[in-house]
Amino acid sequence: MKLRKLGPFDVSAIGLGCMNVSHAYGAAPDRETSIKLLNEALELGYTHFDTATMYGAGANEILVSEAIGHRRSEFTLASKCGLYPGKDGLRDIDGDPERIKRACEESLTRLKTDVIDLYYLHRLDRRVPIEDSVGALAELVAEGKIRTIGLSEVSADTVRRAHTVHPVTALQTEYSLWTRNPEIAVLETCKALGITFVAFSPLARGFLTGKLSIADVSSFTPRDVRCSMPRFTPENFAENLKLLDGVRAVAEAVGCSMAELALAWVLAKGEHIVAIPGTKRSDHLAENARAADVDINAEHVAQLDAIINERTVVGPRYSAAQQADVETEEFAAAS
């Protein structure tokens, strides 16, 4: 697979978001299937694996260790702190320096490794100055427990403030044809500061693959995070499906699948961008990997930009409660 820079690391342009094999999108696959999938990813050329304390309450880190820990030298390992399972199904955002250090120790134990290559602050704790949280991460770098620092779902201003405390290697935020908020300021800020932008949910949580139907959406259970997302209500989803006819036509012209096209679009937005789609299926894993070899030109990018954007998509990205957990610029605020 083609490589791109992730700070000091050369990683596959398409990495693997590991969350799907533990939680968030309905029932997780059995352990044997998940272990097989993670090893298949390495064989396909994936060299960037992204996990977090939050994923399955630590279970995902344990799974990654059990599945591919013996092949540790073959991949760049990313994990996250600052977002934890809370009481009554709620999420606990905590950027306290001591909590960050404790979480790192626990992650190292679950991952059975001496060092985490890229360690993110998963969410901004508005009660704690970003300088304090990043200061704790910097101490972990100095102690040799993590190699580089990342941030997730923060604004361009927060990135700049953090970068003055310690160089930030990566910023991770949702980015796809239908979630374009990073284009307001974050993408350019990352480029200017030499920070790699890591796009999660680059396939719009399955929407851009063209494989989800209204029947699928109507059958989502509470275990699937999409059931609470406004764009996936049956009414909104039916309207959004109409956008895919144009995307399908571009994919046919390029000669690739819709999923490959959506990932190629993300990569075409800048050499400082990598994508980390997640999946529970081997066929989707291989399909996503092929996207790194899909070349689309400026005309294709412009066509896709016009078809799906913040004005044509029906429904906000998150519910009000979900949006409260993230700190990203919004188009309404920027207009």
C-alpha atoms as a PDB file:
ATOM      1  CA  MET A   1       0.000   0.000   0.000  1.00  0.00           C
ATOM      2  CA  LYS A   2       1.161   3.549  -0.669  1.00  0.00           C
ATOM      3  CA  LEU A   3       2.710   5.236   2.348  1.00  0.00           C
ATOM      4  CA  ARG A   4       2.261   8.665   3.876  1.00  0.00           C
ATOM      5  CA  LYS A   5       3.915  10.474   6.768  1.00  0.00           C
ATOM      6  CA  LEU A   6       2.443  10.347  10.253  1.00  0.00           C
ATOM      7  CA  GLY A   7       4.964  12.466  12.094  1.00  0.00           C
ATOM      8  CA  PRO A   8       8.179  10.414  12.200  1.00  0.00           C
ATOM      9  CA  PHE A   9       6.393   7.292  10.952  1.00  0.00           C
ATOM     10  CA  ASP A  10       5.792   6.065   7.427  1.00  0.00           C
ATOM     11  CA  VAL A  11       2.328   4.506   7.496  1.00  0.00           C
ATOM     12  CA  SER A  12      -0.145   3.092   5.009  1.00  0.00           C
ATOM     13  CA  ALA A  13      -2.255   5.840   3.470  1.00  0.00           C
ATOM     14  CA  ILE A  14      -5.271   3.819   4.588  1.00  0.00           C
ATOM     15  CA  GLY A  15      -5.036   2.731   8.209  1.00  0.00           C
ATOM     16  CA  LEU A  16      -7.424   0.666  10.301  1.00  0.00           C
ATOM     17  CA  GLY A  17      -9.763   2.111  12.890  1.00  0.00           C
ATOM     18  CA  CYS A  18     -10.116  -0.824  15.283  1.00  0.00           C
ATOM     19  CA  MET A  19     -13.236   0.303  17.171  1.00  0.00           C
ATOM     20  CA  ASN A  20     -15.684  -1.624  14.974  1.00  0.00           C
ATOM     21  CA  VAL A  21     -14.481  -5.032  16.144  1.00  0.00           C
ATOM     22  CA  SER A  22     -15.340  -4.228  19.759  1.00  0.00           C
ATOM     23  CA  HIS A  23     -18.354  -1.922  19.870  1.00  0.00           C
ATOM     24  CA  ALA A  24     -20.419   0.933  18.392  1.00  0.00           C
ATOM     25  CA  TYR A  25     -21.838  -0.732  15.260  1.00  0.00           C
ATOM     26  CA  GLY A  26     -24.083  -3.461  16.567  1.00  0.00           C
ATOM     27  CA  ALA A  27     -22.868  -6.857  17.705  1.00  0.00           C
ATOM     28  CA  ALA A  28     -19.101  -7.300  17.605  1.00  0.00           C
ATOM     29  CA  PRO A  29     -17.702 -10.291  15.710  1.00  0.00           C
ATOM     30  CA  ASP A  30     -16.427 -13.232  17.717  1.00  0.00           C
ATOM     31  CA  ARG A  31     -12.865 -13.086  18.962  1.00  0.00           C
ATOM     32  CA  GLU A  32     -11.468 -15.548  16.443  1.00  0.00           C
ATOM     33  CA  THR A  33     -12.948 -13.582  13.543  1.00  0.00           C
ATOM     34  CA  SER A  34     -11.582 -10.301  14.896  1.00  0.00           C
ATOM     35  CA  ILE A  35      -8.091 -11.725  15.399  1.00  0.00           C
ATOM     36  CA  LYS A  36      -8.146 -13.075  11.851  1.00  0.00           C
ATOM     37  CA  LEU A  37      -9.264  -9.692  10.508  1.00  0.00           C
ATOM     38  CA  LEU A  38      -6.471  -7.768  12.239  1.00  0.00           C
ATOM     39  CA  ASN A  39      -3.850 -10.149  10.865  1.00  0.00           C
ATOM     40  CA  GLU A  40      -5.385  -9.937   7.400  1.00  0.00           C
ATOM     41  CA  ALA A  41      -4.994  -6.170   7.629  1.00  0.00           C
ATOM     42  CA  LEU A  42      -1.248  -6.538   8.122  1.00  0.00           C
ATOM     43  CA  GLU A  43      -1.037  -8.913   5.164  1.00  0.00           C
ATOM     44  CA  LEU A  44      -2.877  -6.361   2.996  1.00  0.00           C
ATOM     45  CA  GLY A  45      -0.370  -3.656   3.854  1.00  0.00           C
ATOM     46  CA  TYR A  46      -2.097  -1.790   6.676  1.00  0.00           C
ATOM     47  CA  THR A  47       0.598  -0.426   8.983  1.00  0.00           C
ATOM     48  CA  HIS A  48      -1.403   2.054  11.077  1.00  0.00           C
ATOM     49  CA  PHE A  49      -3.743   0.624  13.731  1.00  0.00           C
ATOM     50  CA  ASP A  50      -5.875   2.953  15.827  1.00  0.00           C
ATOM     51  CA  THR A  51      -7.470   1.922  19.130  1.00  0.00           C
ATOM     52  CA  ALA A  52      -8.490   3.666  22.387  1.00  0.00           C
ATOM     53  CA  THR A  53      -9.254   3.113  26.044  1.00  0.00           C
ATOM     54  CA  MET A  54     -12.887   3.946  25.284  1.00  0.00           C
ATOM     55  CA  TYR A  55     -13.377   1.188  22.727  1.00  0.00           C
ATOM     56  CA  GLY A  56     -15.049  -1.636  24.586  1.00  0.00           C
ATOM     57  CA  ALA A  57     -13.839  -0.195  27.905  1.00  0.00           C
ATOM     58  CA  GLY A  58     -10.291  -1.334  27.185  1.00  0.00           C
ATOM     59  CA  ALA A  59     -11.303  -4.581  25.495  1.00  0.00           C
ATOM     60  CA  ASN A  60     -10.206  -3.308  22.087  1.00  0.00           C
ATOM     61  CA  GLU A  61      -6.665  -2.628  23.284  1.00  0.00           C
ATOM     62  CA  ILE A  62      -6.495  -6.137  24.733  1.00  0.00           C
ATOM     63  CA  LEU A  63      -7.775  -7.592  21.463  1.00  0.00           C
ATOM     64  CA  VAL A  64      -5.210  -5.687  19.388  1.00  0.00           C
ATOM     65  CA  SER A  65      -2.461  -6.969  21.663  1.00  0.00           C
ATOM     66  CA  GLU A  66      -3.646 -10.571  21.496  1.00  0.00           C
ATOM     67  CA  ALA A  67      -4.163 -10.491  17.749  1.00  0.00           C
ATOM     68  CA  ILE A  68      -1.067  -8.705  16.450  1.00  0.00           C
ATOM     69  CA  GLY A  69       1.082  -7.896  19.476  1.00  0.00           C
ATOM     70  CA  HIS A  70       3.567 -10.541  18.336  1.00  0.00           C
ATOM     71  CA  ARG A  71       3.969  -8.512  15.117  1.00  0.00           C
ATOM     72  CA  ARG A  72       4.530  -5.210  16.927  1.00  0.00           C
ATOM     73  CA  SER A  73       7.442  -4.176  14.709  1.00  0.00           C
ATOM     74  CA  GLU A  74       5.215  -4.287  11.616  1.00  0.00           C
ATOM     75  CA  PHE A  75       2.862  -1.434  12.469  1.00  0.00           C
ATOM     76  CA  THR A  76       2.448   1.984  14.057  1.00  0.00           C
ATOM     77  CA  LEU A  77       0.244   1.777  17.141  1.00  0.00           C
ATOM     78  CA  ALA A  78      -2.095   4.606  18.128  1.00  0.00           C
ATOM     79  CA  SER A  79      -4.306   4.755  21.200  1.00  0.00           C
ATOM     80  CA  LYS A  80      -6.152   7.430  23.148  1.00  0.00           C
ATOM     81  CA  CYS A  81      -6.927   8.733  26.620  1.00  0.00           C
ATOM     82  CA  GLY A  82      -9.210  11.408  28.019  1.00  0.00           C
ATOM     83  CA  LEU A  83     -12.502   9.714  27.152  1.00  0.00           C
ATOM     84  CA  TYR A  84     -13.684   6.852  29.323  1.00  0.00           C
ATOM     85  CA  PRO A  85     -16.806   4.778  29.970  1.00  0.00           C
ATOM     86  CA  GLY A  86     -18.816   6.580  32.639  1.00  0.00           C
ATOM     87  CA  LYS A  87     -21.793   5.818  34.829  1.00  0.00           C
ATOM     88  CA  ASP A  88     -25.216   4.928  33.436  1.00  0.00           C
ATOM     89  CA  GLY A  89     -23.909   4.590  29.897  1.00  0.00           C
ATOM     90  CA  LEU A  90     -22.579   8.140  29.820  1.00  0.00           C
ATOM     91  CA  ARG A  91     -19.085   9.074  28.711  1.00  0.00           C
ATOM     92  CA  ASP A  92     -16.531  10.547  31.090  1.00  0.00           C
ATOM     93  CA  ILE A  93     -14.315  13.248  29.574  1.00  0.00           C
ATOM     94  CA  ASP A  94     -11.315  13.857  31.818  1.00  0.00           C
ATOM     95  CA  GLY A  95      -8.179  15.716  30.767  1.00  0.00           C
ATOM     96  CA  ASP A  96      -6.660  15.897  34.238  1.00  0.00           C
ATOM     97  CA  PRO A  97      -2.894  15.335  33.967  1.00  0.00           C
ATOM     98  CA  GLU A  98      -2.795  12.615  36.617  1.00  0.00           C
ATOM     99  CA  ARG A  99      -5.710  10.779  35.011  1.00  0.00           C
ATOM    100  CA  ILE A 100      -3.924  10.934  31.646  1.00  0.00           C
ATOM    101  CA  LYS A 101      -0.759   9.423  33.131  1.00  0.00           C
ATOM    102  CA  ARG A 102      -2.705   6.698  34.899  1.00  0.00           C
ATOM    103  CA  ALA A 103      -4.659   5.898  31.735  1.00  0.00           C
ATOM    104  CA  CYS A 104      -1.424   5.555  29.784  1.00  0.00           C
ATOM    105  CA  GLU A 105      -0.046   3.045  32.257  1.00  0.00           C
ATOM    106  CA  GLU A 106      -3.258   1.036  31.997  1.00  0.00           C
ATOM    107  CA  SER A 107      -3.161   1.130  28.202  1.00  0.00           C
ATOM    108  CA  LEU A 108       0.455  -0.025  28.141  1.00  0.00           C
ATOM    109  CA  THR A 109      -0.551  -2.979  30.316  1.00  0.00           C
ATOM    110  CA  ARG A 110      -3.516  -3.912  28.107  1.00  0.00           C
ATOM    111  CA  LEU A 111      -1.487  -3.493  24.932  1.00  0.00           C
ATOM    112  CA  LYS A 112       1.451  -5.410  26.420  1.00  0.00           C
ATOM    113  CA  THR A 113       3.947  -2.966  25.000  1.00  0.00           C
ATOM    114  CA  ASP A 114       6.625  -0.691  26.406  1.00  0.00           C
ATOM    115  CA  VAL A 115       5.676   2.288  24.290  1.00  0.00           C
ATOM    116  CA  ILE A 116       2.688   3.622  22.304  1.00  0.00           C
ATOM    117  CA  ASP A 117       3.725   5.250  19.042  1.00  0.00           C
ATOM    118  CA  LEU A 118       0.959   7.868  18.926  1.00  0.00           C
ATOM    119  CA  TYR A 119      -1.131   8.737  21.971  1.00  0.00           C
ATOM    120  CA  TYR A 120      -4.113  11.056  21.586  1.00  0.00           C
ATOM    121  CA  LEU A 121      -6.173  13.169  23.912  1.00  0.00           C
ATOM    122  CA  HIS A 122      -9.474  11.676  22.747  1.00  0.00           C
ATOM    123  CA  ARG A 123     -11.647  14.640  23.689  1.00  0.00           C
ATOM    124  CA  LEU A 124     -11.012  18.105  25.065  1.00  0.00           C
ATOM    125  CA  ASP A 125     -11.918  18.544  28.725  1.00  0.00           C
ATOM    126  CA  ARG A 126     -13.126  22.131  28.883  1.00  0.00           C
ATOM    127  CA  ARG A 127     -12.486  22.188  32.628  1.00  0.00           C
ATOM    128  CA  VAL A 128      -8.752  21.674  32.090  1.00  0.00           C
ATOM    129  CA  PRO A 129      -6.549  24.039  30.044  1.00  0.00           C
ATOM    130  CA  ILE A 130      -5.284  22.236  26.961  1.00  0.00           C
ATOM    131  CA  GLU A 131      -1.785  23.306  27.977  1.00  0.00           C
ATOM    132  CA  ASP A 132      -2.072  21.201  31.148  1.00  0.00           C
ATOM    133  CA  SER A 133      -3.332  18.102  29.358  1.00  0.00           C
ATOM    134  CA  VAL A 134      -0.667  18.340  26.661  1.00  0.00           C
ATOM    135  CA  GLY A 135       1.914  18.987  29.354  1.00  0.00           C
ATOM    136  CA  ALA A 136       1.097  15.588  30.851  1.00  0.00           C
ATOM    137  CA  LEU A 137       1.423  13.961  27.436  1.00  0.00           C
ATOM    138  CA  ALA A 138       4.783  15.698  26.980  1.00  0.00           C
ATOM    139  CA  GLU A 139       5.971  14.180  30.248  1.00  0.00           C
ATOM    140  CA  LEU A 140       4.969  10.743  28.958  1.00  0.00           C
ATOM    141  CA  VAL A 141       7.084  11.389  25.854  1.00  0.00           C
ATOM    142  CA  ALA A 142      10.028  12.370  28.045  1.00  0.00           C
ATOM    143  CA  GLU A 143       9.571   9.183  30.064  1.00  0.00           C
ATOM    144  CA  GLY A 144       9.630   7.073  26.895  1.00  0.00           C
ATOM    145  CA  LYS A 145       6.116   5.718  27.393  1.00  0.00           C
ATOM    146  CA  ILE A 146       4.720   7.332  24.257  1.00  0.00           C
ATOM    147  CA  ARG A 147       6.582   8.483  21.159  1.00  0.00           C
ATOM    148  CA  THR A 148       4.310  11.226  19.835  1.00  0.00           C
ATOM    149  CA  ILE A 149       1.223  13.245  20.792  1.00  0.00           C
ATOM    150  CA  GLY A 150      -2.143  13.532  19.061  1.00  0.00           C
ATOM    151  CA  LEU A 151      -5.391  15.434  19.594  1.00  0.00           C
ATOM    152  CA  SER A 152      -8.910  14.457  18.568  1.00  0.00           C
ATOM    153  CA  GLU A 153     -11.976  16.560  17.736  1.00  0.00           C
ATOM    154  CA  VAL A 154     -10.572  19.969  18.639  1.00  0.00           C
ATOM    155  CA  SER A 155     -10.587  23.363  16.938  1.00  0.00           C
ATOM    156  CA  ALA A 156      -7.752  24.989  15.036  1.00  0.00           C
ATOM    157  CA  ASP A 157      -7.184  27.411  17.915  1.00  0.00           C
ATOM    158  CA  THR A 158      -6.784  24.566  20.408  1.00  0.00           C
ATOM    159  CA  VAL A 159      -4.330  22.823  18.076  1.00  0.00           C
ATOM    160  CA  ARG A 160      -2.192  25.962  17.900  1.00  0.00           C
ATOM    161  CA  ARG A 161      -2.219  26.383  21.692  1.00  0.00           C
ATOM    162  CA  ALA A 162      -1.296  22.732  22.225  1.00  0.00           C
ATOM    163  CA  HIS A 163       1.484  22.911  19.651  1.00  0.00           C
ATOM    164  CA  THR A 164       3.248  25.640  21.640  1.00  0.00           C
ATOM    165  CA  VAL A 165       3.570  23.265  24.610  1.00  0.00           C
ATOM    166  CA  HIS A 166       4.824  20.248  22.654  1.00  0.00           C
ATOM    167  CA  PRO A 167       4.800  19.434  18.930  1.00  0.00           C
ATOM    168  CA  VAL A 168       1.536  17.774  17.965  1.00  0.00           C
ATOM    169  CA  THR A 169       2.035  14.925  15.506  1.00  0.00           C
ATOM    170  CA  ALA A 170      -1.558  14.214  14.526  1.00  0.00           C
ATOM    171  CA  LEU A 171      -5.036  15.630  14.724  1.00  0.00           C
ATOM    172  CA  GLN A 172      -7.882  13.147  14.360  1.00  0.00           C
ATOM    173  CA  THR A 173     -11.346  14.315  13.355  1.00  0.00           C
ATOM    174  CA  GLU A 174     -14.276  12.938  11.399  1.00  0.00           C
ATOM    175  CA  TYR A 175     -13.877  13.874   7.746  1.00  0.00           C
ATOM    176  CA  SER A 176     -15.702  12.647   4.669  1.00  0.00           C
ATOM    177  CA  LEU A 177     -17.764  13.970   1.811  1.00  0.00           C
ATOM    178  CA  TRP A 178     -20.675  14.530   4.190  1.00  0.00           C
ATOM    179  CA  THR A 179     -18.717  15.839   7.192  1.00  0.00           C
ATOM    180  CA  ARG A 180     -16.692  18.790   5.947  1.00  0.00           C
ATOM    181  CA  ASN A 181     -16.137  20.831   9.119  1.00  0.00           C
ATOM    182  CA  PRO A 182     -12.323  20.382   9.066  1.00  0.00           C
ATOM    183  CA  GLU A 183     -12.253  22.391   5.848  1.00  0.00           C
ATOM    184  CA  ILE A 184     -13.149  25.567   7.776  1.00  0.00           C
ATOM    185  CA  ALA A 185      -9.733  25.908   9.439  1.00  0.00           C
ATOM    186  CA  VAL A 186      -8.342  22.638  10.807  1.00  0.00           C
ATOM    187  CA  LEU A 187      -6.963  21.157   7.565  1.00  0.00           C
ATOM    188  CA  GLU A 188      -4.994  24.282   6.721  1.00  0.00           C
ATOM    189  CA  THR A 189      -3.788  24.695  10.298  1.00  0.00           C
ATOM    190  CA  CYS A 190      -2.456  21.132  10.298  1.00  0.00           C
ATOM    191  CA  LYS A 191      -0.729  21.683   6.961  1.00  0.00           C
ATOM    192  CA  ALA A 192       0.870  24.918   8.156  1.00  0.00           C
ATOM    193  CA  LEU A 193       2.161  23.331  11.377  1.00  0.00           C
ATOM    194  CA  GLY A 194       3.332  20.068   9.803  1.00  0.00           C
ATOM    195  CA  ILE A 195       0.674  18.015  11.587  1.00  0.00           C
ATOM    196  CA  THR A 196      -0.819  14.924   9.973  1.00  0.00           C
ATOM    197  CA  PHE A 197      -4.598  15.017   9.716  1.00  0.00           C
ATOM    198  CA  VAL A 198      -6.155  11.613  10.490  1.00  0.00           C
ATOM    199  CA  ALA A 199      -9.658  11.240   9.048  1.00  0.00           C
ATOM    200  CA  PHE A 200     -11.934   8.902  10.974  1.00  0.00           C
ATOM    201  CA  SER A 201     -15.294   7.721   9.622  1.00  0.00           C
ATOM    202  CA  PRO A 202     -14.145   8.607   6.077  1.00  0.00           C
ATOM    203  CA  LEU A 203     -16.918   6.404   4.685  1.00  0.00           C
ATOM    204  CA  ALA A 204     -19.582   8.337   6.597  1.00  0.00           C
ATOM    205  CA  ARG A 205     -20.276   5.361   8.863  1.00  0.00           C
ATOM    206  CA  GLY A 206     -21.090   3.182   5.861  1.00  0.00           C
ATOM    207  CA  PHE A 207     -23.286   5.658   3.990  1.00  0.00           C
ATOM    208  CA  LEU A 208     -20.763   6.408   1.245  1.00  0.00           C
ATOM    209  CA  THR A 209     -20.282   2.738   0.389  1.00  0.00           C
ATOM    210  CA  GLY A 210     -23.751   2.682  -1.180  1.00  0.00           C
ATOM    211  CA  LYS A 211     -24.435  -0.583   0.621  1.00  0.00           C
ATOM    212  CA  LEU A 212     -26.808   0.684   3.326  1.00  0.00           C
ATOM    213  CA  SER A 213     -30.542   0.637   2.663  1.00  0.00           C
ATOM    214  CA  ILE A 214     -33.469   2.250   4.456  1.00  0.00           C
ATOM    215  CA  ALA A 215     -34.319  -1.229   5.749  1.00  0.00           C
ATOM    216  CA  ASP A 216     -30.839  -1.485   7.278  1.00  0.00           C
ATOM    217  CA  VAL A 217     -31.172   1.893   8.956  1.00  0.00           C
ATOM    218  CA  SER A 218     -34.648   1.120  10.257  1.00  0.00           C
ATOM    219  CA  SER A 219     -33.321  -2.026  11.932  1.00  0.00           C
ATOM    220  CA  PHE A 220     -30.475  -0.360  13.859  1.00  0.00           C
ATOM    221  CA  THR A 221     -30.495  -1.346  17.523  1.00  0.00           C
ATOM    222  CA  PRO A 222     -29.430   0.808  20.491  1.00  0.00           C
ATOM    223  CA  ARG A 223     -26.040  -0.944  20.277  1.00  0.00           C
ATOM    224  CA  ASP A 224     -25.437   0.843  16.987  1.00  0.00           C
ATOM    225  CA  VAL A 225     -24.313   4.453  17.488  1.00  0.00           C
ATOM    226  CA  ARG A 226     -25.975   5.470  14.230  1.00  0.00           C
ATOM    227  CA  CYS A 227     -29.445   4.963  15.658  1.00  0.00           C
ATOM    228  CA  SER A 228     -29.066   8.265  17.539  1.00  0.00           C
ATOM    229  CA  MET A 229     -27.483  10.210  14.675  1.00  0.00           C
ATOM    230  CA  PRO A 230     -29.850  12.591  12.855  1.00  0.00           C
ATOM    231  CA  ARG A 231     -28.619  11.741   9.360  1.00  0.00           C
ATOM    232  CA  PHE A 232     -29.603   8.119   9.885  1.00  0.00           C
ATOM    233  CA  THR A 233     -33.225   8.611  10.837  1.00  0.00           C
ATOM    234  CA  PRO A 234     -35.327   6.856   8.164  1.00  0.00           C
ATOM    235  CA  GLU A 235     -36.709  10.168   6.902  1.00  0.00           C
ATOM    236  CA  ASN A 236     -33.360  11.933   6.615  1.00  0.00           C
ATOM    237  CA  PHE A 237     -31.594   8.863   5.309  1.00  0.00           C
ATOM    238  CA  ALA A 238     -34.131   8.491   2.503  1.00  0.00           C
ATOM    239  CA  GLU A 239     -33.310  12.034   1.383  1.00  0.00           C
ATOM    240  CA  ASN A 240     -29.570  11.507   1.703  1.00  0.00           C
ATOM    241  CA  LEU A 241     -29.722   8.334  -0.377  1.00  0.00           C
ATOM    242  CA  LYS A 242     -30.681  10.475  -3.366  1.00  0.00           C
ATOM    243  CA  LEU A 243     -27.215  12.017  -3.284  1.00  0.00           C
ATOM    244  CA  LEU A 244     -25.567   8.693  -4.012  1.00  0.00           C
ATOM    245  CA  ASP A 245     -26.746   8.473  -7.613  1.00  0.00           C
ATOM    246  CA  GLY A 246     -24.245  11.165  -8.550  1.00  0.00           C
ATOM    247  CA  VAL A 247     -21.478   9.535  -6.506  1.00  0.00           C
ATOM    248  CA  ARG A 248     -22.173   6.202  -8.176  1.00  0.00           C
ATOM    249  CA  ALA A 249     -21.842   7.811 -11.600  1.00  0.00           C
ATOM    250  CA  VAL A 250     -18.421   9.260 -10.713  1.00  0.00           C
ATOM    251  CA  ALA A 251     -17.272   5.879  -9.345  1.00  0.00           C
ATOM    252  CA  GLU A 252     -18.285   4.205 -12.601  1.00  0.00           C
ATOM    253  CA  ALA A 253     -16.373   6.828 -14.581  1.00  0.00           C
ATOM    254  CA  VAL A 254     -13.263   6.319 -12.452  1.00  0.00           C
ATOM    255  CA  GLY A 255     -13.627   2.530 -12.509  1.00  0.00           C
ATOM    256  CA  CYS A 256     -13.774   1.810  -8.788  1.00  0.00           C
ATOM    257  CA  SER A 257     -16.285   1.076  -6.051  1.00  0.00           C
ATOM    258  CA  MET A 258     -18.082   3.858  -4.197  1.00  0.00           C
ATOM    259  CA  ALA A 259     -16.134   3.066  -1.016  1.00  0.00           C
ATOM    260  CA  GLU A 260     -12.834   3.262  -2.868  1.00  0.00           C
ATOM    261  CA  LEU A 261     -13.881   6.565  -4.410  1.00  0.00           C
ATOM    262  CA  ALA A 262     -14.885   8.092  -1.056  1.00  0.00           C
ATOM    263  CA  LEU A 263     -11.523   7.161   0.465  1.00  0.00           C
ATOM    264  CA  ALA A 264      -9.614   8.370  -2.600  1.00  0.00           C
ATOM    265  CA  TRP A 265     -11.427  11.717  -2.257  1.00  0.00           C
ATOM    266  CA  VAL A 266     -10.187  12.069   1.334  1.00  0.00           C
ATOM    267  CA  LEU A 267      -6.592  11.325   0.316  1.00  0.00           C
ATOM    268  CA  ALA A 268      -6.850  13.733  -2.613  1.00  0.00           C
ATOM    269  CA  LYS A 269      -7.596  16.593  -0.222  1.00  0.00           C
ATOM    270  CA  GLY A 270      -3.965  16.788   0.919  1.00  0.00           C
ATOM    271  CA  GLU A 271      -0.714  14.859   1.181  1.00  0.00           C
ATOM    272  CA  HIS A 272      -0.797  15.475   4.933  1.00  0.00           C
ATOM    273  CA  ILE A 273      -4.005  13.411   5.289  1.00  0.00           C
ATOM    274  CA  VAL A 274      -4.406   9.715   6.109  1.00  0.00           C
ATOM    275  CA  ALA A 275      -7.677   7.834   6.584  1.00  0.00           C
ATOM    276  CA  ILE A 276      -8.649   5.172   9.118  1.00  0.00           C
ATOM    277  CA  PRO A 277     -11.889   3.471   8.064  1.00  0.00           C
ATOM    278  CA  GLY A 278     -13.113   0.683  10.305  1.00  0.00           C
ATOM    279  CA  THR A 279     -14.773  -2.583   9.385  1.00  0.00           C
ATOM    280  CA  LYS A 280     -15.732  -6.002  10.713  1.00  0.00           C
ATOM    281  CA  ARG A 281     -15.539  -7.732   7.320  1.00  0.00           C
ATOM    282  CA  SER A 282     -12.608  -9.088   5.341  1.00  0.00           C
ATOM    283  CA  ASP A 283     -14.071  -8.112   1.962  1.00  0.00           C
ATOM    284  CA  HIS A 284     -14.532  -4.508   3.094  1.00  0.00           C
ATOM    285  CA  LEU A 285     -11.003  -4.528   4.541  1.00  0.00           C
ATOM    286  CA  ALA A 286      -9.576  -5.469   1.135  1.00  0.00           C
ATOM    287  CA  GLU A 287     -11.825  -2.999  -0.678  1.00  0.00           C
ATOM    288  CA  ASN A 288     -10.696  -0.138   1.549  1.00  0.00           C
ATOM    289  CA  ALA A 289      -7.043  -1.037   1.022  1.00  0.00           C
ATOM    290  CA  ARG A 290      -7.470  -0.781  -2.761  1.00  0.00           C
ATOM    291  CA  ALA A 291      -8.514   2.859  -2.388  1.00  0.00           C
ATOM    292  CA  ALA A 292      -4.888   3.868  -1.828  1.00  0.00           C
ATOM    293  CA  ASP A 293      -4.232   3.018  -5.487  1.00  0.00           C
ATOM    294  CA  VAL A 294      -7.236   4.889  -6.901  1.00  0.00           C
ATOM    295  CA  ASP A 295      -6.191   8.100  -8.611  1.00  0.00           C
ATOM    296  CA  ILE A 296      -8.854  10.742  -9.038  1.00  0.00           C
ATOM    297  CA  ASN A 297      -8.281  14.054 -10.771  1.00  0.00           C
ATOM    298  CA  ALA A 298      -9.336  17.587  -9.855  1.00  0.00           C
ATOM    299  CA  GLU A 299     -12.457  17.291 -11.990  1.00  0.00           C
ATOM    300  CA  HIS A 300     -13.618  14.196 -10.088  1.00  0.00           C
ATOM    301  CA  VAL A 301     -12.956  15.930  -6.763  1.00  0.00           C
ATOM    302  CA  ALA A 302     -14.954  18.973  -7.862  1.00  0.00           C
ATOM    303  CA  GLN A 303     -17.841  16.794  -9.025  1.00  0.00           C
ATOM    304  CA  LEU A 304     -17.984  15.022  -5.679  1.00  0.00           C
ATOM    305  CA  ASP A 305     -17.669  18.292  -3.756  1.00  0.00           C
ATOM    306  CA  ALA A 306     -20.716  19.612  -5.582  1.00  0.00           C
ATOM    307  CA  ILE A 307     -22.813  16.477  -5.024  1.00  0.00           C
ATOM    308  CA  ILE A 308     -22.291  16.009  -1.275  1.00  0.00           C
ATOM    309  CA  ASN A 309     -21.433  18.872   1.032  1.00  0.00           C
ATOM    310  CA  GLU A 310     -22.689  20.681   4.141  1.00  0.00           C
ATOM    311  CA  ARG A 311     -25.527  22.256   2.148  1.00  0.00           C
ATOM    312  CA  THR A 312     -26.865  19.149   0.419  1.00  0.00           C
ATOM    313  CA  VAL A 313     -26.799  16.662   3.313  1.00  0.00           C
ATOM    314  CA  VAL A 314     -29.999  16.424   5.351  1.00  0.00           C
ATOM    315  CA  GLY A 315     -29.555  16.422   9.134  1.00  0.00           C
ATOM    316  CA  PRO A 316     -26.681  17.502  11.419  1.00  0.00           C
ATOM    317  CA  ARG A 317     -23.687  15.256  12.039  1.00  0.00           C
ATOM    318  CA  TYR A 318     -24.555  14.618  15.693  1.00  0.00           C
ATOM    319  CA  SER A 319     -27.424  15.116  18.082  1.00  0.00           C
ATOM    320  CA  ALA A 320     -27.069  18.124  20.397  1.00  0.00           C
ATOM    321  CA  ALA A 321     -25.832  15.895  23.221  1.00  0.00           C
ATOM    322  CA  GLN A 322     -23.236  14.220  21.011  1.00  0.00           C
ATOM    323  CA  GLN A 323     -22.060  17.520  19.560  1.00  0.00           C
ATOM    324  CA  ALA A 324     -21.455  18.877  23.062  1.00  0.00           C
ATOM    325  CA  ASP A 325     -18.555  16.429  23.433  1.00  0.00           C
ATOM    326  CA  VAL A 326     -16.571  17.802  20.497  1.00  0.00           C
ATOM    327  CA  GLU A 327     -14.831  21.111  19.865  1.00  0.00           C
ATOM    328  CA  THR A 328     -14.838  21.702  16.120  1.00  0.00           C
ATOM    329  CA  GLU A 329     -15.658  24.715  14.023  1.00  0.00           C
ATOM    330  CA  GLU A 330     -19.138  24.733  12.560  1.00  0.00           C
ATOM    331  CA  PHE A 331     -20.096  26.210   9.194  1.00  0.00           C
ATOM    332  CA  ALA A 332     -22.888  28.235  10.769  1.00  0.00           C
ATOM    333  CA  ALA A 333     -20.425  29.883  13.141  1.00  0.00           C
ATOM    334  CA  ALA A 334     -17.992  30.596  10.332  1.00  0.00           C
ATOM    335  CA  SER A 335     -20.487  32.207   7.967  1.00  0.00           C
END
